[in-house]
Amino acid sequence: MPRPVAIAPSVLPADFSHLGDECVALEAAGVDRIQWDVMDGVFVPNLTFGPDVIASIRPLVEVEFEAHLMVVEPDRLLDRYVEAGCGIVIVHAEACTHLHRTLAHIADVGAIAGVALNPHTPADVISHVRDLLGIVLVMTVSPGFGGQAYIHAMEPKIAEVAALLDGYDCDIEVDGGIGPDTVAGAAAAGANVLVSGSALFRDPDGLEHAVADLRRRAEAARA
């Protein structure tokens, strides 16, 4: 049976001066989780959310938080993001010297462990850690900036990840350039968790319409 579609907005395009209100609005719009793109200025050029910011917003909403750690030393930071209220922690395979150990540690501290794959990273990197994973994130842009164009060439890779995870209890997430024109291709390839940022926030009909539209398109593509 197909895994349910989940809409997981990135808050990168949100108004940071009203970040709590923006998260409340996302929950009201019907999102399934909120993704925090954590950037350290080293693994990627930008700096974003520390754990204290996330912890300050955690009491305002009930929706799940996931931390996407785009950082060079995730093992040093991941505990604090779990403590801040992130029930899912995703690390980049490219940043982990001992990926098996890092994923096991995420589970040990009570979170769902995930791994992200940059566009150039082969899908089979996950082959020997599949039993530790609750989510695999296929990047459909190079990480570090919002508003980038979706890389259509990643769709066969999404399908390859789906084949590798056949029989495993694991979500497949895509992140980068997801909007009304691209969500169907990602979903048809095998993704069930769709991260969207700019496309959600700029929908002229509002967040609720944007979330419902993405969900409808993804579900139709996976039917």
Protein backbone atom coordinates (compact mmCIF):
# COMPACT_ATOMS: atom_id res chain seq x y z
CA MET A 1 0.00 0.00 0.00
CA PRO A 2 1.44 3.44 -0.93
CA ARG A 3 2.67 5.63 1.91
CA PRO A 4 0.48 8.68 2.50
CA VAL A 5 1.44 11.98 0.93
CA ALA A 6 2.80 14.55 3.36
CA ILE A 7 3.36 18.24 2.68
CA ALA A 8 6.38 19.57 4.59
CA PRO A 9 6.97 23.28 4.02
CA SER A 10 10.37 24.82 4.47
CA VAL A 11 10.18 28.04 6.45
CA LEU A 12 13.12 29.63 4.60
CA PRO A 13 10.80 31.98 2.64
CA ALA A 14 8.82 32.95 5.76
CA ASP A 15 8.90 36.38 7.36
CA PHE A 16 11.53 35.82 10.04
CA SER A 17 10.28 38.78 12.06
CA HIS A 18 7.00 36.87 12.55
CA LEU A 19 8.29 33.31 12.40
CA GLY A 20 6.02 31.98 15.11
CA ASP A 21 2.94 33.42 13.40
CA GLU A 22 4.10 31.94 10.09
CA CYS A 23 4.33 28.47 11.63
CA VAL A 24 0.88 28.83 13.19
CA ALA A 25 -0.46 29.78 9.74
CA LEU A 26 1.19 26.77 8.14
CA GLU A 27 -0.38 24.42 10.66
CA ALA A 28 -3.78 26.03 10.08
CA ALA A 29 -3.29 25.54 6.32
CA GLY A 30 -3.08 21.77 6.83
CA VAL A 31 0.61 20.93 6.51
CA ASP A 32 1.81 17.59 7.85
CA ARG A 33 5.14 18.77 9.24
CA ILE A 34 7.45 21.78 9.15
CA GLN A 35 11.00 21.49 7.91
CA TRP A 36 13.76 23.57 9.46
CA ASP A 37 16.64 24.02 7.01
CA VAL A 38 19.61 24.31 9.35
CA MET A 39 22.63 25.83 7.60
CA ASP A 40 26.03 26.43 9.17
CA GLY A 41 27.77 28.71 6.65
CA VAL A 42 30.33 25.96 5.95
CA PHE A 43 28.60 22.94 4.41
CA VAL A 44 26.43 25.51 2.61
CA PRO A 45 27.05 29.27 2.35
CA ASN A 46 24.11 30.53 4.43
CA LEU A 47 23.37 30.61 8.16
CA THR A 48 19.87 29.91 9.40
CA PHE A 49 18.16 28.46 12.47
CA GLY A 50 19.75 27.64 15.79
CA PRO A 51 18.04 25.25 18.20
CA ASP A 52 16.91 28.05 20.51
CA VAL A 53 14.85 29.62 17.72
CA ILE A 54 13.12 26.30 17.03
CA ALA A 55 12.56 25.64 20.73
CA SER A 56 10.87 29.02 21.11
CA ILE A 57 8.32 28.12 18.43
CA ARG A 58 7.74 24.49 19.41
CA PRO A 59 4.99 25.33 21.98
CA LEU A 60 3.00 27.31 19.41
CA VAL A 61 2.06 24.40 17.13
CA GLU A 62 1.44 20.66 17.38
CA VAL A 63 2.63 19.70 13.90
CA GLU A 64 5.81 17.62 13.63
CA PHE A 65 9.16 19.40 13.22
CA GLU A 66 12.01 17.99 11.17
CA ALA A 67 15.55 19.35 11.17
CA HIS A 68 17.42 19.14 7.88
CA LEU A 69 21.00 19.57 9.06
CA MET A 70 23.08 21.07 6.26
CA VAL A 71 26.14 21.22 8.50
CA VAL A 72 29.65 19.80 8.45
CA GLU A 73 29.60 18.14 11.87
CA PRO A 74 26.04 16.99 12.49
CA ASP A 75 27.04 14.73 15.40
CA ARG A 76 28.00 17.82 17.45
CA LEU A 77 24.61 19.48 16.92
CA LEU A 78 21.89 16.90 16.47
CA ASP A 79 21.15 16.35 20.16
CA ARG A 80 20.27 20.02 20.59
CA TYR A 81 17.81 19.94 17.71
CA VAL A 82 16.06 16.93 19.18
CA GLU A 83 15.91 18.73 22.53
CA ALA A 84 14.44 21.75 20.69
CA GLY A 85 11.52 19.61 19.55
CA CYS A 86 12.51 18.09 16.21
CA GLY A 87 11.15 14.55 16.03
CA ILE A 88 12.88 13.90 12.70
CA VAL A 89 16.55 14.65 12.09
CA ILE A 90 18.04 14.42 8.60
CA VAL A 91 21.78 14.49 8.07
CA HIS A 92 23.70 14.68 4.82
CA ALA A 93 25.53 11.54 3.79
CA GLU A 94 28.32 13.77 2.45
CA ALA A 95 28.89 15.30 5.91
CA CYS A 96 29.06 12.06 7.90
CA THR A 97 32.36 10.25 8.32
CA HIS A 98 30.55 7.38 10.06
CA LEU A 99 27.01 7.49 8.71
CA HIS A 100 25.90 4.28 10.43
CA ARG A 101 26.98 5.63 13.83
CA THR A 102 25.31 9.01 13.25
CA LEU A 103 21.98 7.48 12.26
CA ALA A 104 22.06 5.10 15.20
CA HIS A 105 22.70 8.03 17.54
CA ILE A 106 19.67 9.92 16.18
CA ALA A 107 17.50 6.94 17.05
CA ASP A 108 19.15 6.61 20.46
CA VAL A 109 18.12 10.16 21.37
CA GLY A 110 14.52 9.48 20.38
CA ALA A 111 14.16 10.90 16.87
CA ILE A 112 13.47 9.40 13.47
CA ALA A 113 16.73 9.17 11.54
CA GLY A 114 17.00 10.40 7.98
CA VAL A 115 19.69 10.86 5.39
CA ALA A 116 19.84 13.46 2.62
CA LEU A 117 21.53 12.91 -0.72
CA ASN A 118 22.87 15.82 -2.75
CA PRO A 119 22.17 15.72 -6.49
CA HIS A 120 25.59 14.24 -7.28
CA THR A 121 25.45 11.59 -4.55
CA PRO A 122 24.58 8.06 -5.74
CA ALA A 123 21.41 6.48 -4.43
CA ASP A 124 23.22 3.32 -3.33
CA VAL A 125 24.92 5.24 -0.50
CA ILE A 126 21.91 4.16 1.57
CA SER A 127 22.29 0.45 0.78
CA HIS A 128 23.97 -0.56 4.04
CA VAL A 129 22.03 1.74 6.39
CA ARG A 130 18.48 1.07 5.22
CA ASP A 131 17.52 -0.65 8.47
CA LEU A 132 18.31 2.56 10.39
CA LEU A 133 16.34 4.95 8.23
CA GLY A 134 12.89 6.41 8.66
CA ILE A 135 13.27 8.87 5.80
CA VAL A 136 15.51 9.45 2.78
CA LEU A 137 15.64 12.96 1.35
CA VAL A 138 16.57 13.26 -2.32
CA MET A 139 17.72 16.81 -2.99
CA THR A 140 16.26 18.11 -6.24
CA VAL A 141 18.46 21.22 -6.05
CA SER A 142 21.92 21.78 -4.65
CA PRO A 143 21.43 22.71 -0.97
CA GLY A 144 21.97 26.14 0.51
CA PHE A 145 19.51 28.51 -1.11
CA GLY A 146 15.75 28.73 -1.50
CA GLY A 147 14.03 29.47 -4.76
CA GLN A 148 16.18 27.28 -7.02
CA ALA A 149 14.91 25.47 -10.11
CA TYR A 150 13.93 21.82 -9.79
CA ILE A 151 16.42 19.37 -11.34
CA HIS A 152 14.22 17.02 -13.39
CA ALA A 153 17.14 14.62 -13.86
CA MET A 154 16.72 13.59 -10.21
CA GLU A 155 13.47 11.73 -10.92
CA PRO A 156 15.20 8.47 -11.98
CA LYS A 157 17.24 8.74 -8.78
CA ILE A 158 14.04 9.06 -6.72
CA ALA A 159 12.81 5.88 -8.40
CA GLU A 160 16.12 4.17 -7.63
CA VAL A 161 15.82 5.11 -3.96
CA ALA A 162 12.26 3.80 -3.95
CA ALA A 163 13.47 0.47 -5.32
CA LEU A 164 16.22 0.27 -2.70
CA LEU A 165 13.67 0.92 0.06
CA ASP A 166 11.12 -1.62 -1.12
CA GLY A 167 10.07 -3.57 1.96
CA TYR A 168 11.47 -0.99 4.40
CA ASP A 169 9.36 1.29 6.61
CA CYS A 170 10.77 4.52 5.21
CA ASP A 171 9.47 7.76 3.72
CA ILE A 172 10.97 9.23 0.56
CA GLU A 173 11.20 13.00 0.65
CA VAL A 174 12.15 15.49 -2.05
CA ASP A 175 13.34 19.03 -1.47
CA GLY A 176 14.06 21.74 -4.00
CA GLY A 177 11.93 23.53 -6.56
CA ILE A 178 8.74 21.69 -5.61
CA GLY A 179 5.62 23.47 -6.79
CA PRO A 180 2.50 22.88 -8.89
CA ASP A 181 4.52 22.22 -12.05
CA THR A 182 7.03 19.78 -10.54
CA VAL A 183 5.32 17.94 -7.70
CA ALA A 184 3.68 15.33 -9.94
CA GLY A 185 6.99 14.20 -11.44
CA ALA A 186 8.60 13.79 -8.02
CA ALA A 187 5.57 11.95 -6.62
CA ALA A 188 5.22 9.68 -9.64
CA ALA A 189 8.88 8.71 -9.26
CA GLY A 190 8.22 7.53 -5.71
CA ALA A 191 8.36 10.47 -3.31
CA ASN A 192 5.62 10.75 -0.69
CA VAL A 193 6.94 13.68 1.39
CA LEU A 194 7.11 16.92 -0.55
CA VAL A 195 9.08 19.90 0.76
CA SER A 196 7.98 23.19 -0.71
CA GLY A 197 9.01 26.70 0.20
CA SER A 198 8.74 29.54 -2.26
CA ALA A 199 5.85 28.03 -4.21
CA LEU A 200 3.72 27.72 -1.06
CA PHE A 201 4.39 31.19 0.27
CA ARG A 202 3.89 32.98 -3.04
CA ASP A 203 0.57 31.33 -3.99
CA PRO A 204 -1.80 34.27 -4.63
CA ASP A 205 -4.69 32.23 -3.24
CA GLY A 206 -2.95 31.69 0.09
CA LEU A 207 -1.32 28.91 2.05
CA GLU A 208 -4.37 26.71 2.48
CA HIS A 209 -4.96 26.63 -1.27
CA ALA A 210 -1.26 25.99 -1.94
CA VAL A 211 -1.09 23.05 0.47
CA ALA A 212 -4.30 21.46 -0.81
CA ASP A 213 -3.24 21.91 -4.44
CA LEU A 214 0.16 20.28 -3.91
CA ARG A 215 -1.43 17.39 -2.02
CA ARG A 216 -4.04 16.84 -4.73
CA ARG A 217 -1.43 16.84 -7.50
CA ALA A 218 0.89 14.48 -5.59
CA GLU A 219 -1.88 12.04 -4.70
CA ALA A 220 -3.08 11.96 -8.29
CA ALA A 221 0.45 11.24 -9.53
CA ARG A 222 0.87 8.37 -7.04
CA ALA A 223 -2.55 6.83 -7.70
